[in-house]
């Protein structure tokens, strides 16, 4: 079913919206959640919480052109919160590792001088990603948005793990330089 129709069902408060959303995106949303929480049952709970959150936020949002991205963002946030709340040490360590990698490129939120409007930072990061080649952009997003492991990314793109690590390292450095050029203090 087309995303526009699914969103219209949400707007009409028709429960078929949930069924169709699950049918179309359920496995992908569960997959995002599973990579974060590392537990299938918890991933299913996060998926169901995503549908509830979507039900509560459509309207006022009408994500007709970006329904999957809208749902994936909700799933990711719910899963990260679940992981934090349940103190999953192994997964938390992985998330901390990724956070440490990327925090060197993004202004520190606790530094008053570095504090900026989230919308502006989001625009700057999206602008940076738009400048990357499709392959580099996809590798960067798979690692830092979908939290894929280097091994999974390597298999997905048919590249060596060292190539993936090098690409990520260079992208982070480019992002840091780009944000500094844009006037962000790191």
Protein backbone atom coordinates (compact mmCIF):
# COMPACT_ATOMS: atom_id res chain seq x y z
CA UNK A 1 0.00 0.00 0.00
CA UNK A 2 1.21 3.50 -0.84
CA UNK A 3 2.55 5.64 2.02
CA UNK A 4 0.09 8.45 1.19
CA UNK A 5 -2.82 6.08 1.69
CA UNK A 6 -1.37 4.76 4.95
CA UNK A 7 -0.93 8.30 6.29
CA UNK A 8 -4.49 9.14 5.21
CA UNK A 9 -5.68 6.11 7.20
CA UNK A 10 -3.81 7.45 10.23
CA UNK A 11 -5.42 10.86 9.71
CA UNK A 12 -8.87 9.24 9.54
CA UNK A 13 -7.96 7.31 12.73
CA UNK A 14 -8.55 4.01 10.94
CA UNK A 15 -6.87 1.04 12.64
CA UNK A 16 -6.05 -0.40 9.22
CA UNK A 17 -3.22 2.14 9.21
CA UNK A 18 -1.45 0.13 11.90
CA UNK A 19 -2.00 -3.15 10.08
CA UNK A 20 -0.72 -1.77 6.77
CA UNK A 21 2.25 -0.08 8.42
CA UNK A 22 3.19 -3.33 10.13
CA UNK A 23 2.79 -5.26 6.90
CA UNK A 24 4.93 -2.83 4.90
CA UNK A 25 7.60 -1.80 7.41
CA UNK A 26 7.38 -4.16 10.39
CA UNK A 27 10.40 -6.31 9.64
CA UNK A 28 12.58 -3.30 8.84
CA UNK A 29 11.58 -1.51 12.04
CA UNK A 30 12.19 -4.66 14.11
CA UNK A 31 15.59 -4.98 12.48
CA UNK A 32 16.56 -1.43 13.48
CA UNK A 33 15.41 -2.06 17.01
CA UNK A 34 17.10 -5.45 17.26
CA UNK A 35 20.48 -3.96 16.32
CA UNK A 36 20.16 -1.62 19.28
CA UNK A 37 18.55 -3.76 22.00
CA UNK A 38 19.98 -7.13 20.94
CA UNK A 39 16.85 -8.99 22.03
CA UNK A 40 14.11 -10.11 19.66
CA UNK A 41 11.23 -9.82 22.14
CA UNK A 42 12.30 -6.31 23.18
CA UNK A 43 12.65 -5.37 19.50
CA UNK A 44 9.03 -6.46 18.94
CA UNK A 45 7.92 -4.34 21.90
CA UNK A 46 9.78 -1.35 20.48
CA UNK A 47 8.15 -1.95 17.10
CA UNK A 48 4.70 -1.96 18.74
CA UNK A 49 5.57 1.18 20.71
CA UNK A 50 6.53 2.78 17.39
CA UNK A 51 3.04 2.15 16.03
CA UNK A 52 1.50 3.68 19.17
CA UNK A 53 3.76 6.73 18.92
CA UNK A 54 2.95 7.11 15.21
CA UNK A 55 -0.77 6.87 16.05
CA UNK A 56 -0.34 9.64 18.61
CA UNK A 57 1.76 11.94 16.40
CA UNK A 58 -0.14 11.63 13.12
CA UNK A 59 -1.69 14.25 13.15
CA UNK A 60 -0.27 16.87 13.51
CA UNK A 61 2.56 15.39 11.44
CA UNK A 62 1.67 14.17 7.98
CA UNK A 63 4.76 12.24 6.81
CA UNK A 64 3.36 11.30 3.41
CA UNK A 65 6.69 11.66 1.62
CA UNK A 66 8.87 10.23 4.37
CA UNK A 67 6.80 7.70 6.31
CA UNK A 68 9.56 5.11 6.68
CA UNK A 69 12.10 7.70 7.85
CA UNK A 70 9.50 9.04 10.31
CA UNK A 71 8.86 5.54 11.71
CA UNK A 72 12.55 4.59 11.73
CA UNK A 73 13.38 7.68 13.76
CA UNK A 74 10.69 6.82 16.30
CA UNK A 75 11.87 3.20 16.49
CA UNK A 76 15.47 4.24 16.95
CA UNK A 77 14.65 6.63 19.81
CA UNK A 78 12.38 4.12 21.56
CA UNK A 79 15.03 1.40 21.24
CA UNK A 80 17.83 3.61 22.54
CA UNK A 81 15.68 4.64 25.50
CA UNK A 82 14.81 1.02 26.17
CA UNK A 83 18.47 0.07 26.06
CA UNK A 84 19.39 2.84 28.48
CA UNK A 85 16.52 1.99 30.81
CA UNK A 86 17.40 -1.68 30.97
CA UNK A 87 21.14 -1.02 31.36
CA UNK A 88 22.20 -3.58 28.80
CA UNK A 89 25.92 -3.31 29.43
CA UNK A 90 27.09 -5.03 26.28
CA UNK A 91 24.86 -2.99 23.95
CA UNK A 92 25.42 0.16 25.97
CA UNK A 93 29.16 -0.23 25.49
CA UNK A 94 28.58 -0.49 21.73
CA UNK A 95 26.42 2.63 21.75
CA UNK A 96 29.00 4.49 23.84
CA UNK A 97 31.68 3.43 21.35
CA UNK A 98 29.68 4.85 18.44
CA UNK A 99 28.87 7.98 20.41
CA UNK A 100 32.54 8.56 21.15
CA UNK A 101 33.39 8.16 17.46
CA UNK A 102 30.86 10.74 16.34
CA UNK A 103 31.04 13.16 19.26
CA UNK A 104 34.46 14.29 18.05
CA UNK A 105 32.69 15.71 15.00
CA UNK A 106 29.62 17.27 16.60
CA UNK A 107 29.53 20.19 19.03
CA UNK A 108 29.27 19.22 22.67
CA UNK A 109 25.72 19.84 23.95
CA UNK A 110 26.82 20.72 27.50
CA UNK A 111 29.21 23.47 26.44
CA UNK A 112 27.23 26.72 26.47
CA UNK A 113 29.42 28.25 23.75
CA UNK A 114 28.91 25.19 21.53
CA UNK A 115 25.15 24.96 22.09
CA UNK A 116 23.30 25.57 18.82
CA UNK A 117 19.85 25.15 17.46
CA UNK A 118 19.18 21.48 16.62
CA UNK A 119 17.53 22.44 13.36
CA UNK A 120 20.61 24.33 12.16
CA UNK A 121 22.94 21.47 13.09
CA UNK A 122 20.63 18.99 11.39
CA UNK A 123 20.66 21.14 8.25
CA UNK A 124 24.46 21.37 8.33
CA UNK A 125 24.88 17.60 8.74
CA UNK A 126 22.37 16.90 5.96
CA UNK A 127 24.22 19.38 3.76
CA UNK A 128 27.49 17.59 4.49
CA UNK A 129 25.96 14.18 3.73
CA UNK A 130 24.60 15.56 0.47
CA UNK A 131 28.17 16.39 -0.58
CA UNK A 132 29.42 12.83 -0.06
CA UNK A 133 29.37 10.21 -2.76
CA UNK A 134 26.41 7.83 -2.54
CA UNK A 135 28.62 5.00 -1.30
CA UNK A 136 30.24 7.07 1.48
CA UNK A 137 26.87 8.51 2.51
CA UNK A 138 25.30 5.07 2.71
CA UNK A 139 28.22 3.67 4.73
CA UNK A 140 28.07 6.63 7.14
CA UNK A 141 24.29 6.34 7.59
CA UNK A 142 24.38 2.56 8.01
CA UNK A 143 26.96 2.97 10.79
CA UNK A 144 25.68 6.00 12.68
CA UNK A 145 21.94 5.91 12.04
CA UNK A 146 21.16 2.20 11.71
CA UNK A 147 24.04 1.20 14.04
CA UNK A 148 25.23 -1.55 11.70
CA UNK A 149 28.51 -3.20 12.60
CA UNK A 150 31.53 -2.73 10.35
CA UNK A 151 31.23 -6.41 9.42
CA UNK A 152 27.59 -6.03 8.38
CA UNK A 153 28.37 -2.93 6.32
CA UNK A 154 31.29 -4.74 4.70
CA UNK A 155 29.03 -7.61 3.65
CA UNK A 156 26.25 -5.28 2.49
CA UNK A 157 28.52 -3.29 0.16
CA UNK A 158 30.97 -6.04 -0.75
CA UNK A 159 33.94 -4.08 0.60
CA UNK A 160 36.68 -5.05 3.03
CA UNK A 161 36.29 -4.14 6.69
CA UNK A 162 39.45 -2.04 6.51
CA UNK A 163 37.95 -0.06 3.61
CA UNK A 164 34.80 0.56 5.68
CA UNK A 165 36.83 1.66 8.73
CA UNK A 166 38.97 3.96 6.61
CA UNK A 167 35.92 5.46 4.90
CA UNK A 168 34.22 6.10 8.25
CA UNK A 169 37.38 7.64 9.71
CA UNK A 170 37.76 9.97 6.73
CA UNK A 171 34.07 10.89 6.74
CA UNK A 172 34.23 11.81 10.43
CA UNK A 173 37.28 13.97 9.79
CA UNK A 174 35.57 15.61 6.80
CA UNK A 175 32.46 16.23 8.91
CA UNK A 176 34.56 17.81 11.65
CA UNK A 177 36.29 20.11 9.13
CA UNK A 178 32.99 20.95 7.44
CA UNK A 179 31.32 21.90 10.72
CA UNK A 180 34.33 24.01 11.74
CA UNK A 181 34.18 25.81 8.37
CA UNK A 182 30.47 26.43 9.00
CA UNK A 183 31.37 28.12 12.29
CA UNK A 184 30.62 25.35 14.77
CA UNK A 185 33.03 25.13 17.69
CA UNK A 186 33.95 21.54 18.41
